[in-house]
Amino acid sequence: MPIKKPYNSQCCYFSIFLKKISGFLCEFQEYYAEVREEKMEELADSLVDCMTGEEGAGGDDQDLDDR
């Protein structure tokens, strides 16, 4: 009885699929890291504004209340 070849080709397709998924996940991780870095910069800027602005001196900043 001959060995069925579809099994081998299925393994090959699955391997290709895994490589594509792996590549997609790497790209997604890079994208997420960039988004996270941008958000951290925004938060850091906001914190510095809070510390050095009117509210840092004991005043009230309406912009902070709106957020």
Protein backbone atom coordinates (compact mmCIF):
# COMPACT_ATOMS: atom_id res chain seq x y z
CA MET A 1 0.00 0.00 0.00
CA PRO A 2 1.60 3.32 -1.03
CA ILE A 3 2.09 6.19 1.40
CA LYS A 4 -0.44 8.93 0.90
CA LYS A 5 1.17 12.15 -0.31
CA PRO A 6 -1.61 14.56 0.76
CA TYR A 7 -0.36 14.19 4.33
CA ASN A 8 3.07 15.49 3.35
CA SER A 9 1.61 18.38 1.39
CA GLN A 10 -0.68 19.21 4.30
CA CYS A 11 2.34 19.44 6.57
CA CYS A 12 4.01 21.71 4.05
CA TYR A 13 0.92 23.98 3.89
CA PHE A 14 0.70 24.03 7.66
CA SER A 15 4.37 24.98 7.90
CA ILE A 16 3.85 27.84 5.45
CA PHE A 17 0.78 28.93 7.40
CA LEU A 18 2.76 28.97 10.66
CA LYS A 19 5.54 31.03 9.07
CA LYS A 20 3.00 33.59 7.81
CA ILE A 21 1.28 33.78 11.19
CA SER A 22 4.65 34.16 12.89
CA GLY A 23 5.57 37.01 10.55
CA PHE A 24 2.23 38.69 11.18
CA LEU A 25 2.68 38.41 14.95
CA CYS A 26 6.15 39.96 14.75
CA GLU A 27 4.79 42.89 12.74
CA PHE A 28 1.91 43.30 15.18
CA GLN A 29 4.31 43.33 18.14
CA GLU A 30 6.40 46.04 16.48
CA TYR A 31 3.29 48.11 15.75
CA TYR A 32 2.03 47.71 19.31
CA ALA A 33 5.43 48.70 20.71
CA GLU A 34 5.35 51.90 18.65
CA VAL A 35 1.82 52.74 19.77
CA ARG A 36 2.74 52.05 23.39
CA GLU A 37 5.84 54.24 23.12
CA GLU A 38 3.81 57.12 21.66
CA LYS A 39 1.24 56.81 24.43
CA MET A 40 3.97 56.79 27.09
CA GLU A 41 5.44 59.97 25.59
CA GLU A 42 2.00 61.62 25.68
CA LEU A 43 1.52 60.59 29.31
CA ALA A 44 4.99 61.81 30.25
CA ASP A 45 4.34 65.17 28.57
CA SER A 46 1.01 65.43 30.38
CA LEU A 47 2.68 64.64 33.70
CA VAL A 48 5.35 67.28 33.14
CA ASP A 49 2.62 69.79 32.28
CA CYS A 50 0.85 68.91 35.52
CA MET A 51 4.02 69.30 37.56
CA THR A 52 5.18 72.54 35.99
CA GLY A 53 1.84 74.15 35.15
CA GLU A 54 -0.69 76.03 37.21
CA GLU A 55 -1.96 72.90 38.93
CA GLY A 56 1.57 72.01 40.00
CA ALA A 57 1.67 75.27 41.95
CA GLY A 58 -1.61 74.46 43.71
CA GLY A 59 -3.94 76.00 41.14
CA ASP A 60 -6.80 74.41 39.25
CA ASP A 61 -6.53 73.50 35.58
CA GLN A 62 -9.85 73.18 33.80
CA ASP A 63 -8.24 71.08 31.03
CA LEU A 64 -7.43 68.35 33.55
CA ASP A 65 -10.99 68.35 34.82
CA ASP A 66 -12.24 67.90 31.26
CA ARG A 67 -10.09 64.83 30.62
